[in-house]
């Protein structure tokens, strides 16, 4: 087991999770229902959910030293970003702004995949 990877996992997931939990507890009941609705939507799960799940696999791979976790993370990340690109293109009122967002997403995808392989 890699202690550095465990510390990285706790810092990168534990602290934001604690902050989100604390903010969720401070919300009113209506705001909590809005958050539940947003987080369970198909759009959120297919974009941000897949990207977050891929980052979890990227963080867990050094701990368990299983290379298939890195591959699954890369697949989930690619699918999540490709779905984000398609939805950005479909929903964009201005195609110029959509192209800038798409280029940014593609650059981010290539940097993350390059850094992990």
Protein backbone atom coordinates (compact mmCIF):
# COMPACT_ATOMS: atom_id res chain seq x y z
CA UNK A 1 0.00 0.00 0.00
CA UNK A 2 1.18 3.44 -0.94
CA UNK A 3 0.81 5.87 1.98
CA UNK A 4 1.24 8.92 -0.28
CA UNK A 5 -1.67 7.76 -2.43
CA UNK A 6 -3.87 7.28 0.64
CA UNK A 7 -3.07 10.79 1.87
CA UNK A 8 -3.80 12.17 -1.62
CA UNK A 9 -7.12 10.31 -1.68
CA UNK A 10 -8.14 11.67 1.72
CA UNK A 11 -7.13 15.22 0.83
CA UNK A 12 -8.67 15.27 -2.63
CA UNK A 13 -11.92 13.51 -1.73
CA UNK A 14 -12.31 13.81 2.02
CA UNK A 15 -12.03 17.55 2.40
CA UNK A 16 -14.40 18.46 -0.48
CA UNK A 17 -16.86 15.76 0.64
CA UNK A 18 -16.85 17.15 4.18
CA UNK A 19 -17.37 20.70 2.91
CA UNK A 20 -20.26 19.62 0.67
CA UNK A 21 -21.85 17.66 3.53
CA UNK A 22 -21.57 20.66 5.83
CA UNK A 23 -23.12 22.97 3.22
CA UNK A 24 -25.89 20.46 2.57
CA UNK A 25 -26.78 20.40 6.28
CA UNK A 26 -27.09 24.20 6.29
CA UNK A 27 -29.56 24.21 3.37
CA UNK A 28 -33.29 24.57 3.70
CA UNK A 29 -35.54 21.64 2.81
CA UNK A 30 -36.41 23.19 -0.57
CA UNK A 31 -32.74 23.68 -1.44
CA UNK A 32 -31.99 20.09 -0.42
CA UNK A 33 -34.71 18.82 -2.74
CA UNK A 34 -33.28 20.93 -5.58
CA UNK A 35 -29.83 19.46 -4.96
CA UNK A 36 -31.23 15.91 -4.92
CA UNK A 37 -33.06 16.56 -8.18
CA UNK A 38 -29.96 18.03 -9.83
CA UNK A 39 -27.63 15.25 -8.66
CA UNK A 40 -29.96 12.47 -9.81
CA UNK A 41 -30.62 13.91 -13.26
CA UNK A 42 -29.42 11.90 -16.24
CA UNK A 43 -27.44 14.85 -17.53
CA UNK A 44 -25.49 15.28 -14.28
CA UNK A 45 -24.78 11.56 -13.91
CA UNK A 46 -23.66 11.15 -17.52
CA UNK A 47 -21.27 14.11 -17.41
CA UNK A 48 -20.03 15.22 -14.01
CA UNK A 49 -20.81 11.88 -12.38
CA UNK A 50 -18.67 9.92 -14.85
CA UNK A 51 -15.82 12.42 -14.60
CA UNK A 52 -15.90 12.25 -10.79
CA UNK A 53 -16.03 8.45 -10.86
CA UNK A 54 -13.06 8.36 -13.20
CA UNK A 55 -11.06 10.59 -10.85
CA UNK A 56 -11.93 8.21 -8.01
CA UNK A 57 -10.51 5.31 -10.04
CA UNK A 58 -7.40 7.37 -10.84
CA UNK A 59 -6.89 8.04 -7.12
CA UNK A 60 -7.53 4.43 -6.06
CA UNK A 61 -5.23 2.85 -8.66
CA UNK A 62 -1.92 3.65 -6.87
CA UNK A 63 -3.32 2.32 -3.59
CA UNK A 64 -4.36 -1.09 -4.89
CA UNK A 65 -1.82 -1.20 -7.77
CA UNK A 66 -4.33 -2.58 -10.27
CA UNK A 67 -3.78 -1.20 -13.76
CA UNK A 68 -7.33 -2.03 -14.86
CA UNK A 69 -8.58 0.72 -12.52
CA UNK A 70 -6.64 3.28 -14.51
CA UNK A 71 -8.14 1.93 -17.74
CA UNK A 72 -11.69 2.08 -16.37
CA UNK A 73 -11.01 5.63 -15.16
CA UNK A 74 -9.82 6.64 -18.63
CA UNK A 75 -12.92 5.12 -20.25
CA UNK A 76 -15.29 6.85 -17.81
CA UNK A 77 -13.46 10.15 -18.23
CA UNK A 78 -13.59 9.91 -22.02
CA UNK A 79 -17.30 9.07 -22.04
CA UNK A 80 -18.11 11.85 -19.58
CA UNK A 81 -16.22 14.48 -21.53
CA UNK A 82 -17.62 13.33 -24.89
CA UNK A 83 -21.17 13.52 -23.53
CA UNK A 84 -20.35 16.99 -22.16
CA UNK A 85 -19.12 18.04 -25.59
CA UNK A 86 -22.28 16.82 -27.30
CA UNK A 87 -24.56 18.48 -24.74
CA UNK A 88 -22.57 21.71 -24.91
CA UNK A 89 -22.95 21.78 -28.69
CA UNK A 90 -26.68 21.02 -28.58
CA UNK A 91 -27.54 23.55 -25.86
CA UNK A 92 -25.29 26.41 -26.95
CA UNK A 93 -27.05 29.56 -28.13
CA UNK A 94 -23.81 30.68 -29.77
CA UNK A 95 -21.77 28.08 -31.63
CA UNK A 96 -18.60 30.17 -31.24
CA UNK A 97 -18.77 29.92 -27.46
CA UNK A 98 -19.54 26.22 -27.78
CA UNK A 99 -16.41 25.69 -29.87
CA UNK A 100 -14.28 27.40 -27.21
CA UNK A 101 -15.78 25.18 -24.49
CA UNK A 102 -15.28 22.08 -26.62
CA UNK A 103 -11.64 22.93 -27.31
CA UNK A 104 -11.10 23.47 -23.59
CA UNK A 105 -12.69 20.10 -22.77
CA UNK A 106 -10.57 18.31 -25.39
CA UNK A 107 -7.38 19.92 -24.11
CA UNK A 108 -8.29 18.93 -20.55
CA UNK A 109 -9.03 15.35 -21.64
CA UNK A 110 -5.74 15.03 -23.48
CA UNK A 111 -3.73 16.46 -20.57
CA UNK A 112 -5.36 14.14 -18.02
CA UNK A 113 -4.94 11.06 -20.20
CA UNK A 114 -1.35 12.02 -21.04
CA UNK A 115 -0.51 12.52 -17.36
CA UNK A 116 -1.95 9.13 -16.37
CA UNK A 117 -0.36 7.05 -19.13
